[in-house]
Amino acid sequence: MRGLFQHLCQFLRVFQRLEPTKVDLELFSLAVSAIHGCETCVKAHERVVLLGEGLDRKSTRLNS
């Protein structure tokens, strides 16, 4: 577990240097929430991303 934490800290330092926007951070949070399976969090982050980008749900769907 300690190794995972060290990798996460290293990633966050690099990510911070890239000067991420609010939408970038929300997309990252969305991915983490999806991995953890938290539907409430996924919906909340999705809402912020869609509002931040001025998108609607149809324009963000992946083609199946």
N, C-alpha and C. Protein backbone atom coordinates (compact mmCIF):
# COMPACT_ATOMS: atom_id res chain seq x y z
N MET A 1 0.83 -1.19 0.00
CA MET A 1 0.00 0.00 0.00
C MET A 1 0.87 1.25 0.00
N ARG A 2 1.99 1.21 0.69
CA ARG A 2 2.87 2.37 0.76
C ARG A 2 3.39 2.76 -0.62
N GLY A 3 3.73 1.76 -1.44
CA GLY A 3 4.21 2.03 -2.79
C GLY A 3 3.16 2.71 -3.65
N LEU A 4 1.92 2.27 -3.50
CA LEU A 4 0.82 2.89 -4.23
C LEU A 4 0.66 4.35 -3.83
N PHE A 5 0.74 4.63 -2.54
CA PHE A 5 0.62 5.99 -2.04
C PHE A 5 1.75 6.87 -2.59
N GLN A 6 2.96 6.34 -2.63
CA GLN A 6 4.09 7.10 -3.17
C GLN A 6 3.89 7.41 -4.65
N HIS A 7 3.39 6.45 -5.41
CA HIS A 7 3.12 6.69 -6.83
C HIS A 7 2.04 7.74 -7.02
N LEU A 8 1.00 7.69 -6.18
CA LEU A 8 -0.07 8.67 -6.25
C LEU A 8 0.45 10.07 -5.96
N CYS A 9 1.28 10.20 -4.94
CA CYS A 9 1.85 11.51 -4.60
C CYS A 9 2.72 12.03 -5.75
N GLN A 10 3.50 11.16 -6.34
CA GLN A 10 4.35 11.55 -7.47
C GLN A 10 3.49 11.99 -8.66
N PHE A 11 2.43 11.26 -8.94
CA PHE A 11 1.53 11.63 -10.03
C PHE A 11 0.90 12.99 -9.78
N LEU A 12 0.44 13.22 -8.55
CA LEU A 12 -0.20 14.49 -8.24
C LEU A 12 0.76 15.67 -8.37
N ARG A 13 2.03 15.47 -8.02
CA ARG A 13 3.02 16.55 -8.19
C ARG A 13 3.19 16.88 -9.67
N VAL A 14 3.28 15.88 -10.51
CA VAL A 14 3.41 16.11 -11.95
C VAL A 14 2.14 16.75 -12.50
N PHE A 15 0.99 16.26 -12.08
CA PHE A 15 -0.29 16.78 -12.53
C PHE A 15 -0.43 18.26 -12.17
N GLN A 16 0.04 18.63 -11.00
CA GLN A 16 -0.06 20.02 -10.54
C GLN A 16 0.80 20.93 -11.42
N ARG A 17 1.94 20.47 -11.86
CA ARG A 17 2.81 21.28 -12.73
C ARG A 17 2.19 21.56 -14.08
N LEU A 18 1.24 20.74 -14.49
CA LEU A 18 0.58 20.93 -15.78
C LEU A 18 -0.46 22.04 -15.73
N GLU A 19 -0.70 22.61 -14.56
CA GLU A 19 -1.69 23.65 -14.34
C GLU A 19 -3.06 23.22 -14.85
N PRO A 20 -3.61 22.18 -14.24
CA PRO A 20 -4.91 21.67 -14.69
C PRO A 20 -6.04 22.67 -14.43
N THR A 21 -7.02 22.64 -15.28
CA THR A 21 -8.20 23.48 -15.10
C THR A 21 -9.17 22.77 -14.15
N LYS A 22 -10.21 23.46 -13.76
CA LYS A 22 -11.25 22.86 -12.92
C LYS A 22 -11.84 21.64 -13.60
N VAL A 23 -12.06 21.74 -14.91
CA VAL A 23 -12.64 20.60 -15.65
C VAL A 23 -11.67 19.42 -15.66
N ASP A 24 -10.37 19.68 -15.81
CA ASP A 24 -9.37 18.61 -15.76
C ASP A 24 -9.43 17.87 -14.42
N LEU A 25 -9.49 18.63 -13.34
CA LEU A 25 -9.57 18.02 -12.01
C LEU A 25 -10.86 17.22 -11.84
N GLU A 26 -11.94 17.74 -12.37
CA GLU A 26 -13.21 17.03 -12.27
C GLU A 26 -13.19 15.75 -13.09
N LEU A 27 -12.55 15.77 -14.26
CA LEU A 27 -12.43 14.55 -15.07
C LEU A 27 -11.60 13.50 -14.34
N PHE A 28 -10.52 13.94 -13.69
CA PHE A 28 -9.69 13.03 -12.91
C PHE A 28 -10.52 12.44 -11.77
N SER A 29 -11.26 13.29 -11.08
CA SER A 29 -12.11 12.84 -9.97
C SER A 29 -13.20 11.90 -10.47
N LEU A 30 -13.73 12.19 -11.64
CA LEU A 30 -14.74 11.33 -12.25
C LEU A 30 -14.18 9.93 -12.50
N ALA A 31 -12.98 9.86 -13.02
CA ALA A 31 -12.35 8.56 -13.28
C ALA A 31 -12.14 7.79 -11.99
N VAL A 32 -11.66 8.45 -10.96
CA VAL A 32 -11.44 7.79 -9.67
C VAL A 32 -12.77 7.29 -9.10
N SER A 33 -13.80 8.12 -9.18
CA SER A 33 -15.11 7.73 -8.66
C SER A 33 -15.67 6.53 -9.42
N ALA A 34 -15.45 6.51 -10.74
CA ALA A 34 -15.92 5.38 -11.55
C ALA A 34 -15.19 4.10 -11.16
N ILE A 35 -13.89 4.20 -10.94
CA ILE A 35 -13.10 3.03 -10.54
C ILE A 35 -13.59 2.50 -9.19
N HIS A 36 -13.93 3.41 -8.30
CA HIS A 36 -14.40 3.00 -6.97
C HIS A 36 -15.87 2.60 -6.97
N GLY A 37 -16.58 2.87 -8.06
CA GLY A 37 -17.97 2.44 -8.19
C GLY A 37 -18.97 3.28 -7.41
N CYS A 38 -18.64 4.55 -7.18
CA CYS A 38 -19.55 5.43 -6.44
C CYS A 38 -20.44 6.19 -7.42
N GLU A 39 -21.65 5.70 -7.61
CA GLU A 39 -22.56 6.29 -8.59
C GLU A 39 -22.91 7.74 -8.25
N THR A 40 -23.09 8.03 -6.98
CA THR A 40 -23.42 9.40 -6.56
C THR A 40 -22.29 10.36 -6.93
N CYS A 41 -21.06 9.95 -6.66
CA CYS A 41 -19.90 10.79 -6.98
C CYS A 41 -19.73 10.96 -8.49
N VAL A 42 -19.93 9.86 -9.23
CA VAL A 42 -19.81 9.92 -10.69
C VAL A 42 -20.80 10.94 -11.25
N LYS A 43 -22.04 10.88 -10.79
CA LYS A 43 -23.05 11.82 -11.29
C LYS A 43 -22.69 13.26 -10.93
N ALA A 44 -22.18 13.48 -9.73
CA ALA A 44 -21.81 14.84 -9.31
C ALA A 44 -20.67 15.39 -10.15
N HIS A 45 -19.63 14.59 -10.36
CA HIS A 45 -18.49 15.05 -11.16
C HIS A 45 -18.89 15.22 -12.63
N GLU A 46 -19.73 14.34 -13.13
CA GLU A 46 -20.20 14.45 -14.51
C GLU A 46 -20.95 15.77 -14.71
N ARG A 47 -21.78 16.11 -13.74
CA ARG A 47 -22.57 17.35 -13.83
C ARG A 47 -21.64 18.57 -13.90
N VAL A 48 -20.60 18.59 -13.08
CA VAL A 48 -19.66 19.72 -13.08
C VAL A 48 -18.91 19.80 -14.41
N VAL A 49 -18.49 18.65 -14.93
CA VAL A 49 -17.77 18.62 -16.20
C VAL A 49 -18.66 19.13 -17.33
N LEU A 50 -19.89 18.65 -17.38
CA LEU A 50 -20.80 19.06 -18.45
C LEU A 50 -21.10 20.55 -18.37
N LEU A 51 -21.31 21.07 -17.19
CA LEU A 51 -21.58 22.50 -17.03
C LEU A 51 -20.33 23.32 -17.35
N GLY A 52 -19.18 22.83 -16.94
CA GLY A 52 -17.93 23.55 -17.17
C GLY A 52 -17.55 23.63 -18.64
N GLU A 53 -17.91 22.63 -19.40
CA GLU A 53 -17.57 22.59 -20.81
C GLU A 53 -18.71 23.09 -21.69
N GLY A 54 -19.85 23.36 -21.09
CA GLY A 54 -21.00 23.80 -21.87
C GLY A 54 -21.52 22.71 -22.80
N LEU A 55 -21.40 21.47 -22.37
CA LEU A 55 -21.82 20.33 -23.19
C LEU A 55 -23.16 19.80 -22.71
N ASP A 56 -23.77 18.99 -23.52
CA ASP A 56 -24.94 18.27 -23.06
C ASP A 56 -24.62 16.79 -23.06
N ARG A 57 -25.50 16.01 -22.47
CA ARG A 57 -25.25 14.58 -22.32
C ARG A 57 -25.08 13.88 -23.67
N LYS A 58 -25.85 14.25 -24.68
CA LYS A 58 -25.78 13.57 -25.98
C LYS A 58 -24.42 13.75 -26.65
N SER A 59 -23.82 14.92 -26.49
CA SER A 59 -22.55 15.18 -27.17
C SER A 59 -21.38 14.48 -26.52
N THR A 60 -21.57 13.92 -25.33
CA THR A 60 -20.46 13.26 -24.64
C THR A 60 -20.57 11.74 -24.65
N ARG A 61 -21.61 11.20 -25.23
CA ARG A 61 -21.77 9.74 -25.27
C ARG A 61 -20.79 9.12 -26.26
N LEU A 62 -20.27 7.99 -25.86
CA LEU A 62 -19.38 7.27 -26.76
C LEU A 62 -20.22 6.45 -27.72
N ASN A 63 -19.75 6.33 -28.93
CA ASN A 63 -20.44 5.49 -29.91
C ASN A 63 -20.26 4.04 -29.55
N SER A 64 -21.33 3.32 -29.45
CA SER A 64 -21.25 1.89 -29.07
C SER A 64 -21.24 1.02 -30.31
